[in-house]
Amino acid sequence: MTDGQSSSQAAPVGSTAPVAGADTLSQFATLVAQMMSETQSRASTIRSDDIDRHLQLFLRLKPPRFEGVVEPKAAEEWLRRLEKTFDGMQCPADRKVPLAVFLLDGEAEHWWEGQQAARFQGRLNSLITWEEFTEVFRDWFVPPSARQQMQESFLRLVQGSKTVMQYEAEFTALARYAPQLVSTSAERCYRFLRGLRDTLRQPLIPFRITDFAELVERARLIENDLMATQQRWTASKKRFGGEASGSGSSGKRRFVSGPGSGSGDSRRSGGSSGTATSTTSS
């Protein structure tokens, strides 16, 4: 074997491999870019499907739309129903504002466009928190003057002719505007108890209940018992009153013999000496 032949053979084991050329590096970079693009595309598709799923579920629950031209109490009720819908569908935090904005129509939609541009500097709806949305919503549709009026309504609230559950619903709705008056469970119970009718309040006072749910339930049970008693009394009065009325109108006529006349003579004379009287059977 000549020296020329040995030099043309492969390098011995342990020697350094040749460095890849520029074309190989370019191909590798292109492959990595393609893989990243495909990953981002798949993530975007998954995210889009997730958004569509929440929107479909949201619309299936039929939340009310909001046009903005309403009384403050109705605006507050819209927010309450929306929050109830979000809780029911376990809505993610970043989807609440986009879904709420989807329901805005007319004046309300124009209002939000201005708020998003001015107050939030064009921030995406998904980047605005629900707390931020409700704050600006209440500032506009439930202004301080309206909130003050609702606080006064809360202070004057009594059960009146409402049922316990109707009274509780109105109490809870108005209490949101006077949080300083119901900051503890005991204070909440005191305010609620004070507005109950006397027939419900008086039996509950000795118990000094400080759990609001328990207080409402006990008031409801007393109310149900009183209603059942009233129904039984009314039915009983109607039944016995009807019998007394019927017996009073069914008086019988009978002949009473005059003084010194026998019953037989009276019958023979055709009853001429008898006196017709009307008596009522007892």
Protein backbone atom coordinates (compact mmCIF):
# COMPACT_ATOMS: atom_id res chain seq x y z
CA MET A 1 0.00 0.00 0.00
CA THR A 2 1.48 3.31 -1.02
CA ASP A 3 1.42 6.54 0.99
CA GLY A 4 -1.05 8.07 -1.50
CA GLN A 5 -3.47 5.21 -1.03
CA SER A 6 -3.37 5.40 2.79
CA SER A 7 -4.03 9.16 2.79
CA SER A 8 -7.25 8.69 0.74
CA GLN A 9 -8.82 6.36 3.33
CA ALA A 10 -11.39 7.49 5.98
CA ALA A 11 -10.14 9.25 9.10
CA PRO A 12 -9.40 6.96 12.05
CA VAL A 13 -11.83 6.53 14.92
CA GLY A 14 -11.81 9.47 17.36
CA SER A 15 -11.22 12.13 14.75
CA THR A 16 -13.60 15.24 14.49
CA ALA A 17 -16.62 14.96 12.10
CA PRO A 18 -16.86 17.50 9.33
CA VAL A 19 -18.88 20.71 10.07
CA ALA A 20 -22.31 20.91 8.38
CA GLY A 21 -22.54 23.29 5.50
CA ALA A 22 -24.67 26.46 5.26
CA ASP A 23 -27.41 24.63 3.33
CA THR A 24 -27.91 22.13 6.15
CA LEU A 25 -28.27 24.87 8.80
CA SER A 26 -30.77 26.71 6.61
CA GLN A 27 -32.89 23.60 6.19
CA PHE A 28 -32.86 22.98 9.96
CA ALA A 29 -33.98 26.56 10.68
CA THR A 30 -36.80 26.24 8.17
CA LEU A 31 -37.97 22.99 9.77
CA VAL A 32 -38.01 24.55 13.26
CA ALA A 33 -39.99 27.54 11.96
CA GLN A 34 -42.55 25.22 10.36
CA MET A 35 -42.94 23.22 13.59
CA MET A 36 -43.46 26.39 15.65
CA SER A 37 -46.00 27.70 13.16
CA GLU A 38 -47.96 24.44 13.28
CA THR A 39 -47.92 24.44 17.11
CA GLN A 40 -49.20 28.02 17.26
CA SER A 41 -51.87 27.20 14.69
CA ARG A 42 -53.07 24.21 16.71
CA ALA A 43 -53.11 26.30 19.92
CA SER A 44 -55.05 29.02 18.14
CA THR A 45 -57.56 26.48 16.86
CA ILE A 46 -58.02 24.99 20.33
CA ARG A 47 -58.45 28.45 21.82
CA SER A 48 -60.99 29.38 19.14
CA ASP A 49 -62.96 26.18 19.76
CA ASP A 50 -62.91 26.89 23.52
CA ILE A 51 -64.24 30.42 22.96
CA ASP A 52 -66.99 29.14 20.67
CA ARG A 53 -67.95 26.52 23.26
CA HIS A 54 -68.39 29.16 25.98
CA LEU A 55 -70.37 31.41 23.66
CA GLN A 56 -72.67 28.57 22.63
CA LEU A 57 -73.28 27.58 26.25
CA PHE A 58 -73.84 31.21 27.22
CA LEU A 59 -76.45 31.75 24.51
CA ARG A 60 -78.13 28.46 25.36
CA LEU A 61 -78.85 29.84 28.85
CA LYS A 62 -80.70 32.78 27.20
CA PRO A 63 -79.23 35.70 29.15
CA PRO A 64 -81.17 38.99 28.77
CA ARG A 65 -79.87 41.67 26.42
CA PHE A 66 -79.28 45.21 27.63
CA GLU A 67 -80.08 48.40 25.72
CA GLY A 68 -79.28 50.90 28.45
CA VAL A 69 -82.53 52.88 28.56
CA VAL A 70 -83.80 51.43 31.85
CA GLU A 71 -84.28 52.34 35.48
CA PRO A 72 -81.24 51.88 37.76
CA LYS A 73 -82.93 48.96 39.51
CA ALA A 74 -83.39 47.16 36.18
CA ALA A 75 -79.72 47.75 35.31
CA GLU A 76 -78.68 46.23 38.64
CA GLU A 77 -80.98 43.29 38.02
CA TRP A 78 -79.35 42.71 34.61
CA LEU A 79 -75.95 42.49 36.28
CA ARG A 80 -77.29 40.12 38.92
CA ARG A 81 -78.78 37.77 36.32
CA LEU A 82 -75.58 37.88 34.30
CA GLU A 83 -73.48 36.91 37.31
CA LYS A 84 -75.90 34.07 38.03
CA THR A 85 -75.47 32.85 34.44
CA PHE A 86 -71.67 33.01 34.71
CA ASP A 87 -71.75 30.99 37.92
CA GLY A 88 -74.03 28.39 36.36
CA MET A 89 -71.77 27.84 33.35
CA GLN A 90 -68.51 28.15 35.35
CA CYS A 91 -67.37 30.90 33.02
CA PRO A 92 -63.61 31.66 32.97
CA ALA A 93 -62.66 35.12 34.25
CA ASP A 94 -61.29 36.29 30.89
CA ARG A 95 -64.54 35.44 29.08
CA LYS A 96 -66.99 37.34 31.31
CA VAL A 97 -66.51 40.82 29.85
CA PRO A 98 -66.51 39.69 26.18
CA LEU A 99 -69.73 37.75 26.77
CA ALA A 100 -71.34 40.66 28.63
CA VAL A 101 -70.40 43.10 25.86
CA PHE A 102 -71.94 40.69 23.34
CA LEU A 103 -75.33 41.40 24.99
CA LEU A 104 -75.12 45.19 24.75
CA ASP A 105 -77.40 46.86 22.21
CA GLY A 106 -78.31 50.40 21.20
CA GLU A 107 -77.27 53.11 23.66
CA ALA A 108 -75.49 50.59 25.86
CA GLU A 109 -73.33 49.40 22.97
CA HIS A 110 -72.35 52.99 22.06
CA TRP A 111 -71.59 53.69 25.71
CA TRP A 112 -69.21 50.74 25.94
CA GLU A 113 -67.38 51.68 22.75
CA GLY A 114 -66.64 55.06 24.32
CA GLN A 115 -65.56 53.49 27.62
CA GLN A 116 -63.28 50.99 25.94
CA ALA A 117 -61.57 53.70 23.90
CA ALA A 118 -61.27 56.39 26.59
CA ARG A 119 -61.11 54.68 29.97
CA PHE A 120 -59.39 51.45 28.93
CA GLN A 121 -57.24 52.91 26.10
CA GLY A 122 -58.49 50.37 23.57
CA ARG A 123 -57.69 47.37 25.74
CA LEU A 124 -59.19 44.08 24.53
CA ASN A 125 -62.38 43.00 26.29
CA SER A 126 -60.72 39.77 27.38
CA LEU A 127 -58.06 41.80 29.23
CA ILE A 128 -60.61 43.86 31.18
CA THR A 129 -61.62 42.31 34.50
CA TRP A 130 -65.22 41.77 35.52
CA GLU A 131 -64.70 44.05 38.54
CA GLU A 132 -63.56 46.86 36.23
CA PHE A 133 -66.57 46.35 33.97
CA THR A 134 -69.13 46.35 36.79
CA GLU A 135 -67.55 49.46 38.32
CA VAL A 136 -67.90 51.58 35.16
CA PHE A 137 -71.31 50.02 34.45
CA ARG A 138 -72.69 51.03 37.84
CA ASP A 139 -71.12 54.50 37.65
CA TRP A 140 -73.12 55.15 34.47
CA PHE A 141 -76.35 53.16 34.75
CA VAL A 142 -76.69 53.12 38.55
CA PRO A 143 -75.36 56.60 39.47
CA PRO A 144 -74.72 57.73 43.08
CA SER A 145 -78.05 59.55 43.27
CA ALA A 146 -79.90 56.34 42.39
CA ARG A 147 -77.85 54.35 44.88
CA GLN A 148 -78.70 56.84 47.61
CA GLN A 149 -82.38 56.49 46.76
CA MET A 150 -82.13 52.71 47.01
CA GLN A 151 -80.41 52.99 50.39
CA GLU A 152 -83.35 55.03 51.63
CA SER A 153 -85.75 52.44 50.20
CA PHE A 154 -83.85 49.76 52.11
CA LEU A 155 -84.20 51.66 55.37
CA ARG A 156 -87.97 51.99 54.85
CA LEU A 157 -88.51 48.41 53.66
CA VAL A 158 -91.13 46.34 55.52
CA GLN A 159 -92.83 43.07 54.63
CA GLY A 160 -96.36 44.43 54.36
CA SER A 161 -98.52 42.15 52.21
CA LYS A 162 -95.53 40.34 50.68
CA THR A 163 -94.71 36.74 51.48
CA VAL A 164 -91.53 36.00 53.42
CA MET A 165 -89.71 34.94 50.25
CA GLN A 166 -90.84 38.02 48.32
CA TYR A 167 -89.73 40.21 51.20
CA GLU A 168 -86.38 38.41 51.40
CA ALA A 169 -85.75 38.88 47.66
CA GLU A 170 -86.39 42.63 47.84
CA PHE A 171 -84.40 42.89 51.07
CA THR A 172 -81.37 41.19 49.50
CA ALA A 173 -81.56 43.29 46.33
CA LEU A 174 -81.66 46.60 48.22
CA ALA A 175 -79.10 45.53 50.83
CA ARG A 176 -76.40 45.72 48.15
CA TYR A 177 -76.74 49.50 48.23
CA ALA A 178 -76.34 49.71 52.01
CA PRO A 179 -73.48 47.29 52.78
CA GLN A 180 -72.48 49.31 55.84
CA LEU A 181 -75.84 48.46 57.44
CA VAL A 182 -75.52 44.69 56.93
CA SER A 183 -71.78 44.22 57.33
CA THR A 184 -72.27 41.31 59.77
CA SER A 185 -74.72 38.43 59.87
CA ALA A 186 -76.19 39.71 63.13
CA GLU A 187 -76.86 43.16 61.66
CA ARG A 188 -78.44 41.60 58.58
CA CYS A 189 -80.75 39.50 60.76
CA TYR A 190 -81.69 42.54 62.85
CA ARG A 191 -82.69 44.56 59.78
CA PHE A 192 -84.66 41.68 58.30
CA LEU A 193 -86.44 40.87 61.57
CA ARG A 194 -87.38 44.50 62.10
CA GLY A 195 -89.31 44.60 58.81
CA LEU A 196 -91.33 41.41 59.34
CA ARG A 197 -95.03 41.54 60.17
CA ASP A 198 -95.84 41.46 63.89
CA THR A 199 -97.33 37.97 63.69
CA LEU A 200 -94.01 36.65 62.35
CA ARG A 201 -91.57 38.89 64.21
CA GLN A 202 -92.87 38.43 67.75
CA PRO A 203 -92.47 34.61 67.88
CA LEU A 204 -88.90 34.95 66.55
CA ILE A 205 -87.57 37.69 68.84
CA PRO A 206 -86.78 35.42 71.85
CA PHE A 207 -84.52 33.16 69.76
CA ARG A 208 -82.01 35.94 68.92
CA ILE A 209 -81.09 34.27 65.63
CA THR A 210 -77.88 35.54 64.00
CA ASP A 211 -77.79 33.18 61.00
CA PHE A 212 -79.67 34.82 58.13
CA ALA A 213 -80.66 31.62 56.32
CA GLU A 214 -82.03 30.14 59.55
CA LEU A 215 -84.00 33.31 60.28
CA VAL A 216 -85.60 33.33 56.84
CA GLU A 217 -86.48 29.64 57.08
CA ARG A 218 -88.08 29.98 60.52
CA ALA A 219 -90.09 32.99 59.38
CA ARG A 220 -91.27 31.01 56.37
CA LEU A 221 -92.32 28.05 58.54
CA ILE A 222 -94.31 30.29 60.88
CA GLU A 223 -95.95 31.95 57.88
CA ASN A 224 -96.94 28.57 56.42
CA ASP A 225 -98.40 27.46 59.75
CA LEU A 226 -100.42 30.67 60.13
CA MET A 227 -101.74 30.33 56.59
CA ALA A 228 -102.77 26.71 57.19
CA THR A 229 -104.54 27.71 60.42
CA GLN A 230 -106.36 30.52 58.64
CA GLN A 231 -107.47 28.18 55.87
CA ARG A 232 -108.83 25.64 58.37
CA TRP A 233 -110.68 28.35 60.29
CA THR A 234 -112.19 29.77 57.09
CA ALA A 235 -113.32 26.33 55.92
CA SER A 236 -114.83 25.56 59.34
CA LYS A 237 -116.66 28.89 59.50
CA LYS A 238 -118.02 28.38 56.00
CA ARG A 239 -119.25 24.88 56.81
CA PHE A 240 -120.97 25.67 60.12
CA GLY A 241 -122.16 29.05 58.95
CA GLY A 242 -123.89 27.42 55.98
CA GLU A 243 -125.71 24.94 58.22
CA ALA A 244 -126.91 27.68 60.59
CA SER A 245 -128.11 29.77 57.68
CA GLY A 246 -129.99 26.85 56.17
CA SER A 247 -131.73 25.90 59.42
CA GLY A 248 -132.74 29.48 60.11
CA SER A 249 -134.59 29.81 56.83
CA SER A 250 -136.51 26.53 57.17
CA GLY A 251 -139.09 27.59 59.78
CA LYS A 252 -142.27 25.49 60.00
CA ARG A 253 -145.82 26.85 60.31
CA ARG A 254 -148.06 25.29 62.96
CA PHE A 255 -151.44 26.05 64.50
CA VAL A 256 -151.70 26.87 68.17
CA SER A 257 -155.14 26.44 69.74
CA GLY A 258 -156.73 29.44 71.33
CA PRO A 259 -157.38 29.60 75.06
CA GLY A 260 -159.86 27.01 76.31
CA SER A 261 -160.09 25.19 72.99
CA GLY A 262 -159.29 21.53 72.67
CA SER A 263 -157.25 20.18 69.92
CA GLY A 264 -160.00 17.97 68.66
CA ASP A 265 -162.58 20.80 68.53
CA SER A 266 -160.11 22.89 66.67
CA ARG A 267 -159.65 20.25 64.00
CA ARG A 268 -163.41 19.75 63.62
CA SER A 269 -164.10 23.44 63.26
CA GLY A 270 -161.53 23.77 60.52
CA GLY A 271 -159.02 25.50 62.74
CA SER A 272 -160.99 28.74 62.91
CA SER A 273 -160.10 29.24 66.54
CA GLY A 274 -156.42 28.47 66.01
CA THR A 275 -153.70 31.06 65.44
CA ALA A 276 -151.09 30.51 62.73
CA THR A 277 -147.57 31.17 64.00
CA SER A 278 -144.14 30.67 62.52
CA THR A 279 -141.54 29.05 64.68
CA THR A 280 -137.93 28.30 64.08
CA SER A 281 -136.63 24.92 64.94
CA SER A 282 -133.57 25.02 66.99
